[in-house]
Amino acid sequence: MQPDDHKVLILDGACGTNLQEMNIPPSAWAGKEGCNELLNLTAPESIVALHRGFVEAGAMVLETNTFGANRIVLEEYGLHDQVENINRAAVVNARAAIGDQGNVYVAGSVGPGTKLPSLGHIPLETLAAAYAEQLHALVAAGVDLLIIETCQDLLQLKVAMITCFEILEKIQAEIPVMVSVTIERTGTMLVGTDIAAAAVTLEPFPIFSFGLNCATGPQDMESHIRWLSHNWPGRISCIPNQGLPEVVNGKTSYSLTPQRYAQEMKRFVSEYGVSVVGGCCGTTTAHTRALVESLQGVEPLVREVGA
């Protein structure tokens, strides 16, 4: 089967917040604390264990630990020459976690980087080159899908889309591309773009799905998901945080319980036709397990776009 053969596709949960809870040897960071992507090379057993937990919980898609594995971000750690090695290792780790489990796919995660072109942080050509390098490495390593996620800047999104499909055309690869933007509690992306403008930007591209991830929990995403349900003709994704982060006893925590998360996502599937679901910051294997159980026998609402 292929990803599009599934009426509902269930992605895994958080990478960063779960890694923070794992017992990773200090030596694995090699003095570059905060660079989770380096762990693909220095602590592969930890990354495989993280992925395997989500496979055992029932996730159908594993996102690679490559959110910041582009030249721009890695350069901040002195690792700009490790782009290919890190992305390739990330895919190997995800495959190792899947083993012989059927119908589990690897999605190459591509984050926004740390510099936004609309704010003049980075030239478009530099951003495009960084995307091209990472995307080529992920495709060469054999991902099943690509997910360009946490997009915060419409110009950044355009550059990512154009670069991605140029790469796929050049190497004649047919790989589904998922796109996810981040809408703040203000109701727009970080630089002021609303969901409708993002949808218009993406309309010309043959993407697999479009939706939201990060920044907020399901409640704050609902109005945007409702808009997509009535206006976006393709598959809709929803990958929320587990509520808004809170500091409890000096530690960041997320308050949304697995049961409540699963109920909200089930409602999004049945009421709004969302067909790609998963979790972002704060999502544990318990959340994924509850989500899988709640969606047994549930099919997405058949939508009439424009109705």
Protein backbone atom coordinates (compact mmCIF):
# COMPACT_ATOMS: atom_id res chain seq x y z
CA MET A 1 0.00 0.00 0.00
CA GLN A 2 0.90 3.66 -0.42
CA PRO A 3 0.19 6.54 1.99
CA ASP A 4 -2.74 7.76 -0.10
CA ASP A 5 -4.41 4.34 0.16
CA HIS A 6 -5.27 5.03 3.80
CA LYS A 7 -8.43 6.99 4.55
CA VAL A 8 -6.81 8.26 7.75
CA LEU A 9 -3.05 8.56 8.14
CA ILE A 10 -1.75 8.74 11.71
CA LEU A 11 1.58 10.47 12.26
CA ASP A 12 3.80 10.06 15.31
CA GLY A 13 4.26 12.57 18.12
CA ALA A 14 6.87 14.98 19.39
CA CYS A 15 10.59 14.59 18.88
CA GLY A 16 12.21 17.37 20.89
CA THR A 17 10.07 17.24 24.02
CA ASN A 18 10.44 13.46 24.20
CA LEU A 19 14.20 13.58 23.72
CA GLN A 20 14.36 15.92 26.70
CA GLU A 21 12.88 13.15 28.84
CA MET A 22 15.27 10.44 27.64
CA ASN A 23 18.48 9.42 29.36
CA ILE A 24 20.94 10.47 26.67
CA PRO A 25 24.65 10.33 27.56
CA PRO A 26 26.14 13.85 27.87
CA SER A 27 28.95 12.77 25.54
CA ALA A 28 26.44 12.28 22.73
CA TRP A 29 25.92 16.03 22.50
CA ALA A 30 29.64 16.59 21.81
CA GLY A 31 29.38 20.05 23.31
CA LYS A 32 26.54 20.97 20.94
CA GLU A 33 23.57 20.79 23.31
CA GLY A 34 20.31 21.67 21.62
CA CYS A 35 21.21 20.13 18.28
CA ASN A 36 18.84 17.16 18.39
CA GLU A 37 19.72 16.26 14.83
CA LEU A 38 23.32 15.44 15.77
CA LEU A 39 21.98 12.54 17.84
CA ASN A 40 21.22 10.70 14.62
CA LEU A 41 24.97 10.16 14.38
CA THR A 42 26.10 10.11 18.02
CA ALA A 43 23.19 8.35 19.74
CA PRO A 44 21.31 6.40 17.05
CA GLU A 45 20.04 3.90 19.63
CA SER A 46 18.16 6.72 21.39
CA ILE A 47 16.56 7.92 18.16
CA VAL A 48 15.59 4.39 17.16
CA ALA A 49 14.05 3.84 20.62
CA LEU A 50 12.05 7.07 20.30
CA HIS A 51 10.72 6.07 16.88
CA ARG A 52 10.03 2.49 17.95
CA GLY A 53 7.87 3.68 20.82
CA PHE A 54 5.58 5.44 18.36
CA VAL A 55 5.50 2.45 16.01
CA GLU A 56 4.43 0.26 18.93
CA ALA A 57 1.77 2.83 19.81
CA GLY A 58 0.30 2.46 16.33
CA ALA A 59 1.71 5.41 14.38
CA MET A 60 1.61 4.92 10.62
CA VAL A 61 4.15 7.63 9.76
CA LEU A 62 7.45 8.41 11.46
CA GLU A 63 8.91 11.85 10.97
CA THR A 64 12.68 11.81 10.72
CA ASN A 65 14.72 13.66 13.34
CA THR A 66 15.71 16.28 10.75
CA PHE A 67 13.59 19.32 11.61
CA GLY A 68 16.71 21.48 11.82
CA ALA A 69 19.01 19.40 9.64
CA ASN A 70 19.66 22.07 7.04
CA ARG A 71 22.86 24.00 6.44
CA ILE A 72 21.53 27.22 7.98
CA VAL A 73 20.69 25.68 11.35
CA LEU A 74 23.60 23.24 11.47
CA GLU A 75 26.04 26.06 10.76
CA GLU A 76 25.11 27.53 14.15
CA TYR A 77 26.65 24.41 15.70
CA GLY A 78 29.62 24.18 13.36
CA LEU A 79 28.04 21.21 11.58
CA HIS A 80 27.32 22.72 8.18
CA ASP A 81 29.37 20.01 6.48
CA GLN A 82 27.25 17.23 8.00
CA VAL A 83 23.93 17.87 6.23
CA GLU A 84 24.02 14.76 4.07
CA ASN A 85 25.35 12.48 6.81
CA ILE A 86 22.79 13.59 9.38
CA ASN A 87 19.79 13.35 7.04
CA ARG A 88 20.86 9.95 5.76
CA ALA A 89 21.40 8.62 9.29
CA ALA A 90 17.99 9.93 10.34
CA VAL A 91 16.27 7.90 7.64
CA VAL A 92 18.30 4.80 8.54
CA ASN A 93 17.25 5.19 12.19
CA ALA A 94 13.59 5.49 11.29
CA ARG A 95 13.79 2.39 9.07
CA ALA A 96 15.49 0.48 11.87
CA ALA A 97 12.65 1.36 14.23
CA ILE A 98 10.04 0.16 11.75
CA GLY A 99 11.77 -3.16 11.08
CA ASP A 100 9.41 -5.49 9.26
CA GLN A 101 6.26 -3.71 10.45
CA GLY A 102 3.99 -3.24 7.45
CA ASN A 103 2.25 -0.03 6.36
CA VAL A 104 4.51 2.29 8.35
CA TYR A 105 6.10 5.09 6.35
CA VAL A 106 9.05 7.44 6.80
CA ALA A 107 8.44 11.15 6.29
CA GLY A 108 11.43 13.41 5.85
CA SER A 109 10.92 16.38 8.17
CA VAL A 110 11.95 19.79 6.83
CA GLY A 111 11.63 22.69 9.23
CA PRO A 112 11.62 26.44 8.53
CA GLY A 113 15.13 27.10 9.76
CA THR A 114 15.95 29.99 12.07
CA LYS A 115 15.95 32.89 9.60
CA LEU A 116 12.87 34.36 7.90
CA PRO A 117 13.26 35.94 4.45
CA SER A 118 10.31 38.34 4.88
CA LEU A 119 12.15 39.92 7.79
CA GLY A 120 15.37 40.22 5.81
CA HIS A 121 17.18 37.58 7.83
CA ILE A 122 18.38 35.61 4.81
CA PRO A 123 18.64 36.00 1.01
CA LEU A 124 16.18 33.89 -0.98
CA GLU A 125 18.99 32.21 -2.91
CA THR A 126 20.69 31.09 0.31
CA LEU A 127 17.44 29.72 1.72
CA ALA A 128 16.64 27.87 -1.52
CA ALA A 129 20.11 26.31 -1.62
CA ALA A 130 19.74 25.07 1.95
CA TYR A 131 16.35 23.54 1.19
CA ALA A 132 17.67 21.90 -1.96
CA GLU A 133 20.59 20.32 -0.14
CA GLN A 134 18.44 18.85 2.62
CA LEU A 135 15.62 17.72 0.36
CA HIS A 136 18.03 15.99 -2.00
CA ALA A 137 19.66 14.19 0.94
CA LEU A 138 16.30 12.99 2.31
CA VAL A 139 15.07 11.78 -1.08
CA ALA A 140 18.37 10.03 -1.79
CA ALA A 141 18.11 8.29 1.58
CA GLY A 142 14.76 6.83 0.57
CA VAL A 143 11.96 8.62 2.42
CA ASP A 144 8.37 7.69 1.56
CA LEU A 145 7.03 11.21 2.05
CA LEU A 146 8.30 14.72 2.68
CA ILE A 147 6.77 17.04 5.28
CA ILE A 148 7.58 20.72 5.06
CA GLU A 149 6.34 21.86 8.43
CA THR A 150 6.02 24.69 10.93
CA CYS A 151 6.05 27.25 8.11
CA GLN A 152 5.86 30.73 9.61
CA ASP A 153 6.59 33.01 6.66
CA LEU A 154 4.72 33.01 3.34
CA LEU A 155 7.88 33.86 1.42
CA GLN A 156 9.73 31.02 3.13
CA LEU A 157 6.86 28.70 2.18
CA LYS A 158 7.02 29.75 -1.47
CA VAL A 159 10.76 29.16 -1.62
CA ALA A 160 10.35 25.73 -0.02
CA MET A 161 7.61 24.71 -2.45
CA ILE A 162 9.37 25.85 -5.59
CA THR A 163 12.65 24.25 -4.51
CA CYS A 164 11.01 21.00 -3.47
CA PHE A 165 9.18 20.38 -6.71
CA GLU A 166 12.17 21.46 -8.79
CA ILE A 167 14.25 18.84 -6.97
CA LEU A 168 11.62 16.13 -7.42
CA GLU A 169 11.25 16.91 -11.11
CA LYS A 170 15.00 17.00 -11.67
CA ILE A 171 15.58 13.58 -10.16
CA GLN A 172 12.24 12.23 -11.45
CA ALA A 173 11.00 11.17 -8.04
CA GLU A 174 7.31 10.88 -7.21
CA ILE A 175 7.14 11.42 -3.47
CA PRO A 176 4.08 12.80 -1.66
CA VAL A 177 4.70 16.23 -0.15
CA MET A 178 2.85 17.27 3.00
CA VAL A 179 2.76 20.94 3.99
CA SER A 180 1.96 22.35 7.40
CA VAL A 181 1.85 25.97 8.53
CA THR A 182 1.95 27.32 12.06
CA ILE A 183 -0.84 29.70 13.03
CA GLU A 184 -0.24 31.65 16.23
CA ARG A 185 -2.94 32.51 18.76
CA THR A 186 -3.22 35.86 16.97
CA GLY A 187 -4.91 33.99 14.10
CA THR A 188 -2.09 34.37 11.59
CA MET A 189 1.34 33.02 10.79
CA LEU A 190 4.25 34.74 12.53
CA VAL A 191 4.58 37.41 9.85
CA GLY A 192 0.83 38.08 9.57
CA THR A 193 -0.47 35.69 6.88
CA ASP A 194 -3.84 34.01 7.41
CA ILE A 195 -4.81 30.47 6.45
CA ALA A 196 -6.63 31.62 3.29
CA ALA A 197 -3.56 33.38 1.88
CA ALA A 198 -1.42 30.33 2.63
CA ALA A 199 -3.95 28.12 0.82
CA VAL A 200 -3.90 30.37 -2.26
CA THR A 201 -0.10 30.17 -2.30
CA LEU A 202 -0.18 26.38 -2.21
CA GLU A 203 -2.97 25.92 -4.74
CA PRO A 204 -0.67 25.52 -7.79
CA PHE A 205 1.41 22.77 -6.19
CA PRO A 206 0.42 19.06 -6.29
CA ILE A 207 0.78 18.50 -2.56
CA PHE A 208 -0.42 15.46 -0.65
CA SER A 209 -1.95 17.40 2.26
CA PHE A 210 -2.17 20.84 3.80
CA GLY A 211 -2.85 21.78 7.39
CA LEU A 212 -1.54 23.09 10.69
CA ASN A 213 1.04 22.09 13.27
CA CYS A 214 2.65 23.46 16.42
CA ALA A 215 2.10 26.71 18.39
CA THR A 216 -1.28 25.77 19.89
CA GLY A 217 -3.52 22.89 20.88
CA PRO A 218 -6.55 21.65 18.92
CA GLN A 219 -8.92 24.23 20.39
CA ASP A 220 -7.06 27.19 18.91
CA MET A 221 -6.73 25.39 15.57
CA GLU A 222 -10.42 24.64 15.14
CA SER A 223 -11.51 27.79 13.28
CA HIS A 224 -8.68 27.34 10.75
CA ILE A 225 -9.45 23.63 10.32
CA ARG A 226 -13.11 24.55 9.78
CA TRP A 227 -12.08 27.00 7.05
CA LEU A 228 -9.98 24.35 5.34
CA SER A 229 -12.86 21.89 5.58
CA HIS A 230 -15.04 24.23 3.52
CA ASN A 231 -12.39 25.58 1.17
CA TRP A 232 -9.40 23.25 0.70
CA PRO A 233 -10.07 20.54 -1.90
CA GLY A 234 -7.28 18.16 -0.86
CA ARG A 235 -6.40 16.25 2.27
CA ILE A 236 -6.28 18.23 5.51
CA SER A 237 -3.74 17.62 8.26
CA CYS A 238 -3.87 18.61 11.91
CA ILE A 239 -0.81 18.12 14.13
CA PRO A 240 -1.32 20.18 17.31
CA ASN A 241 0.69 20.71 20.44
CA GLN A 242 -0.76 19.17 23.57
CA GLY A 243 -2.19 22.49 24.66
CA LEU A 244 -0.15 25.56 25.53
CA PRO A 245 3.07 24.99 27.44
CA GLU A 246 3.07 25.69 31.17
CA VAL A 247 5.99 25.91 33.57
CA VAL A 248 5.39 23.64 36.54
CA ASN A 249 8.10 23.41 39.21
CA GLY A 250 10.56 24.97 36.81
CA LYS A 251 9.79 22.47 34.03
CA THR A 252 7.86 22.99 30.81
CA SER A 253 4.82 20.73 30.58
CA TYR A 254 1.76 20.30 28.38
CA SER A 255 -1.64 19.78 29.97
CA LEU A 256 -3.72 18.07 27.29
CA THR A 257 -4.35 14.47 28.36
CA PRO A 258 -4.13 11.61 25.87
CA GLN A 259 -7.86 11.00 26.16
CA ARG A 260 -8.84 14.61 25.55
CA TYR A 261 -6.42 14.91 22.66
CA ALA A 262 -7.82 11.76 21.07
CA GLN A 263 -11.40 13.00 21.47
CA GLU A 264 -10.60 16.33 19.83
CA MET A 265 -8.82 14.73 16.90
CA LYS A 266 -11.58 12.19 16.40
CA ARG A 267 -14.04 15.07 16.18
CA PHE A 268 -11.86 16.86 13.63
CA VAL A 269 -11.85 13.72 11.49
CA SER A 270 -15.58 13.05 11.72
CA GLU A 271 -16.83 16.66 11.62
CA TYR A 272 -14.29 18.44 9.40
CA GLY A 273 -12.90 15.67 7.20
CA VAL A 274 -9.34 15.85 8.50
CA SER A 275 -7.51 12.76 7.22
CA VAL A 276 -3.91 13.26 8.38
CA VAL A 277 -3.51 13.48 12.14
CA GLY A 278 -0.63 13.43 14.59
CA GLY A 279 0.93 15.35 17.43
CA CYS A 280 3.53 18.06 17.86
CA CYS A 281 5.16 19.39 21.04
CA GLY A 282 4.22 17.47 24.17
CA THR A 283 2.80 14.44 22.36
CA THR A 284 3.89 11.18 23.99
CA THR A 285 3.38 7.59 22.94
CA ALA A 286 0.38 7.55 25.29
CA HIS A 287 -1.23 10.29 23.22
CA THR A 288 -0.57 8.38 20.00
CA ARG A 289 -1.95 5.16 21.46
CA ALA A 290 -5.15 6.92 22.58
CA LEU A 291 -5.47 8.52 19.13
CA VAL A 292 -5.12 5.20 17.35
CA GLU A 293 -7.74 3.60 19.59
CA SER A 294 -10.19 6.49 19.17
CA LEU A 295 -10.00 6.35 15.37
CA GLN A 296 -10.77 2.64 15.02
CA GLY A 297 -13.55 2.39 12.43
CA VAL A 298 -13.80 6.19 12.05
CA GLU A 299 -13.79 7.66 8.54
CA PRO A 300 -13.26 11.31 7.57
CA LEU A 301 -16.32 13.38 6.77
CA VAL A 302 -16.98 13.51 3.03
CA ARG A 303 -16.66 17.22 2.37
CA GLU A 304 -18.27 19.47 -0.24
CA VAL A 305 -15.72 22.19 -0.81
CA GLY A 306 -17.32 25.58 -1.28
CA ALA A 307 -20.58 24.47 0.35
